[in-house]
Amino acid sequence: MAAYRISLFLIAMFLSSLARAAVPPETIALLRAIEQPAPPPPGMALKASETITFKVPDTETSLIFKRIGPNTLYQTDLSLCLLEGMNDLFALAIKNKGDGPITGNKFEKSYGQAGLLIQSYSPPAFRMTTAVSVDTLRAIGLFSSIYGYYEVTFDVQHRKLGHVGVGLVKFLRQ
């Protein structure tokens, strides 16, 4: 499992730095202009106010998603937001010499018109860790690729720790 997380770390760092360095803002703007949100497979779209429990593969983490808005997010913006978010969380884990609580008990990230917030739940325990936060970002990416790139709220459940956090993926109006 440790080798798996290290591999994810290296991939996320590479892709995040590649995304920042190799793709000029004009190209991102062009992609956004021509990109049409990919429709989910028939019968898989997340309906308004519907909740879906999504287990993150090979982890103890599950998210309960609920669609909150009619807006669809640009796949490019959400993907880069998630990659840069993973990069920040891995940097935090390296700085802290391992897993630990997320700084300030919340994590915020935005890219283009996609924004996300992860908040620890149930003070004073604050059990949302960097590892669970990375699992959460993975879940958002996987979930969105299956059900669609919508504005959602979510609850983060951990099999051993219980209800550890809440969050939001939002379309940022500019």
Protein backbone atom coordinates (compact mmCIF):
# COMPACT_ATOMS: atom_id res chain seq x y z
CA MET A 1 0.00 0.00 0.00
CA ALA A 2 2.88 2.40 0.78
CA ALA A 3 4.43 1.78 -2.64
CA TYR A 4 1.03 2.44 -4.20
CA ARG A 5 0.71 5.82 -2.42
CA ILE A 6 4.28 6.77 -3.35
CA SER A 7 3.55 5.92 -6.99
CA LEU A 8 0.41 8.07 -6.87
CA PHE A 9 2.47 10.82 -5.33
CA LEU A 10 5.07 10.72 -8.09
CA ILE A 11 2.42 10.61 -10.80
CA ALA A 12 0.46 13.47 -9.26
CA MET A 13 3.57 15.62 -8.83
CA PHE A 14 4.65 14.95 -12.41
CA LEU A 15 1.23 15.64 -13.90
CA SER A 16 0.69 18.72 -11.75
CA SER A 17 4.04 20.25 -12.67
CA LEU A 18 3.49 19.27 -16.29
CA ALA A 19 0.05 20.88 -16.22
CA ARG A 20 1.43 24.12 -14.78
CA ALA A 21 4.57 24.31 -16.90
CA ALA A 22 3.59 22.85 -20.25
CA VAL A 23 0.08 24.16 -20.82
CA PRO A 24 -0.07 27.91 -21.33
CA PRO A 25 -3.20 29.73 -20.10
CA GLU A 26 -4.22 30.47 -23.69
CA THR A 27 -4.36 26.73 -24.42
CA ILE A 28 -6.47 26.08 -21.31
CA ALA A 29 -8.83 28.87 -22.39
CA LEU A 30 -9.08 27.34 -25.87
CA LEU A 31 -9.76 23.88 -24.42
CA ARG A 32 -12.46 25.37 -22.20
CA ALA A 33 -14.03 27.14 -25.18
CA ILE A 34 -14.30 23.98 -27.29
CA GLU A 35 -14.86 21.46 -24.50
CA GLN A 36 -18.33 20.12 -24.08
CA PRO A 37 -18.97 18.24 -20.85
CA ALA A 38 -19.07 14.58 -21.76
CA PRO A 39 -22.48 13.10 -21.10
CA PRO A 40 -22.46 10.21 -18.65
CA PRO A 41 -23.46 6.74 -19.88
CA PRO A 42 -27.25 6.32 -20.29
CA GLY A 43 -28.92 5.90 -16.92
CA MET A 44 -25.79 6.95 -15.00
CA ALA A 45 -26.38 10.73 -14.73
CA LEU A 46 -26.69 12.03 -11.18
CA LYS A 47 -30.16 13.49 -10.84
CA ALA A 48 -30.81 16.63 -8.79
CA SER A 49 -30.97 15.90 -5.04
CA GLU A 50 -30.14 12.21 -5.58
CA THR A 51 -27.50 10.75 -3.26
CA ILE A 52 -25.00 8.09 -4.28
CA THR A 53 -22.51 6.32 -2.01
CA PHE A 54 -19.18 5.84 -3.77
CA LYS A 55 -16.42 3.63 -2.32
CA VAL A 56 -12.89 4.67 -3.21
CA PRO A 57 -11.20 1.56 -4.68
CA ASP A 58 -8.57 -0.11 -2.45
CA THR A 59 -9.19 2.23 0.51
CA GLU A 60 -11.24 2.47 3.70
CA THR A 61 -12.90 5.67 2.41
CA SER A 62 -16.40 6.19 0.95
CA LEU A 63 -18.10 9.39 -0.12
CA ILE A 64 -21.82 10.12 -0.20
CA PHE A 65 -22.43 12.52 -3.09
CA LYS A 66 -25.45 14.76 -3.62
CA ARG A 67 -25.93 16.92 -6.71
CA ILE A 68 -26.73 20.51 -5.75
CA GLY A 69 -26.78 22.50 -8.95
CA PRO A 70 -27.67 22.39 -12.61
CA ASN A 71 -24.20 23.51 -13.67
CA THR A 72 -21.74 21.16 -15.23
CA LEU A 73 -18.05 21.75 -14.66
CA TYR A 74 -15.40 21.72 -17.33
CA GLN A 75 -13.56 18.41 -17.12
CA THR A 76 -10.24 20.18 -17.73
CA ASP A 77 -10.75 22.59 -14.83
CA LEU A 78 -11.86 19.91 -12.37
CA SER A 79 -9.09 17.50 -13.38
CA LEU A 80 -6.37 20.14 -12.97
CA CYS A 81 -7.93 21.30 -9.70
CA LEU A 82 -7.78 17.73 -8.37
CA LEU A 83 -4.21 17.16 -9.59
CA GLU A 84 -2.94 20.38 -8.04
CA GLY A 85 -4.86 19.56 -4.88
CA MET A 86 -3.17 16.16 -4.65
CA ASN A 87 0.19 17.83 -5.21
CA ASP A 88 -0.50 20.23 -2.31
CA LEU A 89 -1.63 17.41 -0.02
CA PHE A 90 1.43 15.28 -0.82
CA ALA A 91 3.66 18.30 -0.13
CA LEU A 92 1.89 18.72 3.23
CA ALA A 93 2.45 15.05 4.06
CA ILE A 94 6.16 15.38 3.20
CA LYS A 95 6.44 18.54 5.30
CA ASN A 96 4.71 16.81 8.25
CA LYS A 97 6.82 13.66 7.72
CA GLY A 98 3.76 11.50 7.21
CA ASP A 99 0.00 11.48 7.46
CA GLY A 100 -1.70 13.86 9.85
CA PRO A 101 -4.62 16.26 10.20
CA ILE A 102 -5.20 18.67 7.35
CA THR A 103 -3.97 22.19 8.11
CA GLY A 104 -6.67 24.40 9.60
CA ASN A 105 -9.08 21.45 9.47
CA LYS A 106 -10.03 22.34 5.91
CA PHE A 107 -8.57 22.15 2.43
CA GLU A 108 -9.55 24.48 -0.42
CA LYS A 109 -8.43 24.45 -4.03
CA SER A 110 -9.60 26.02 -7.26
CA TYR A 111 -8.56 25.97 -10.88
CA GLY A 112 -10.30 27.90 -13.63
CA GLN A 113 -14.00 27.65 -12.89
CA ALA A 114 -13.80 24.59 -10.62
CA GLY A 115 -13.49 24.93 -6.87
CA LEU A 116 -13.49 22.42 -4.05
CA LEU A 117 -13.60 22.48 -0.28
CA ILE A 118 -12.93 19.63 2.14
CA GLN A 119 -13.73 20.30 5.81
CA SER A 120 -13.01 18.16 8.86
CA TYR A 121 -16.13 17.04 10.63
CA SER A 122 -17.02 16.58 14.29
CA PRO A 123 -14.83 18.84 16.38
CA PRO A 124 -12.83 18.43 18.54
CA ALA A 125 -11.65 15.13 17.01
CA PHE A 126 -10.94 16.49 13.50
CA ARG A 127 -10.12 13.10 11.99
CA MET A 128 -9.76 14.25 8.37
CA THR A 129 -6.15 13.47 7.45
CA THR A 130 -4.03 14.15 4.39
CA ALA A 131 -4.34 10.50 3.31
CA VAL A 132 -8.14 10.55 3.57
CA SER A 133 -8.13 13.91 1.73
CA VAL A 134 -6.12 12.40 -1.14
CA ASP A 135 -8.58 9.48 -1.23
CA THR A 136 -11.38 12.06 -1.35
CA LEU A 137 -9.84 13.82 -4.36
CA ARG A 138 -9.44 10.46 -6.11
CA ALA A 139 -13.10 9.71 -5.41
CA ILE A 140 -14.23 13.04 -6.84
CA GLY A 141 -12.30 12.40 -10.06
CA LEU A 142 -13.53 8.82 -10.45
CA PHE A 143 -17.11 9.69 -9.50
CA SER A 144 -17.24 12.63 -11.93
CA SER A 145 -15.91 10.52 -14.79
CA ILE A 146 -18.77 8.05 -14.24
CA TYR A 147 -21.73 10.22 -13.20
CA GLY A 148 -20.93 13.60 -14.74
CA TYR A 149 -19.11 16.81 -13.82
CA TYR A 150 -21.73 18.44 -11.60
CA GLU A 151 -21.73 20.68 -8.56
CA VAL A 152 -21.98 18.32 -5.62
CA THR A 153 -21.76 18.18 -1.85
CA PHE A 154 -20.35 15.12 -0.17
CA ASP A 155 -19.84 13.44 3.19
CA VAL A 156 -16.59 11.55 3.78
CA GLN A 157 -16.87 8.26 5.67
CA HIS A 158 -13.93 6.14 6.83
CA ARG A 159 -14.54 2.50 7.78
CA LYS A 160 -12.49 2.75 10.99
CA LEU A 161 -12.79 6.44 11.87
CA GLY A 162 -16.45 7.04 11.01
CA HIS A 163 -17.76 10.31 9.57
CA VAL A 164 -14.57 12.35 9.09
CA GLY A 165 -15.47 15.21 6.76
CA VAL A 166 -17.77 17.07 4.44
CA GLY A 167 -17.12 18.89 1.19
CA LEU A 168 -18.25 20.72 -1.87
CA VAL A 169 -17.33 20.83 -5.56
CA LYS A 170 -18.55 24.09 -7.04
CA PHE A 171 -18.69 25.93 -10.36
CA LEU A 172 -17.01 29.30 -9.81
CA ARG A 173 -18.71 32.07 -11.71
CA GLN A 174 -16.21 34.49 -13.23
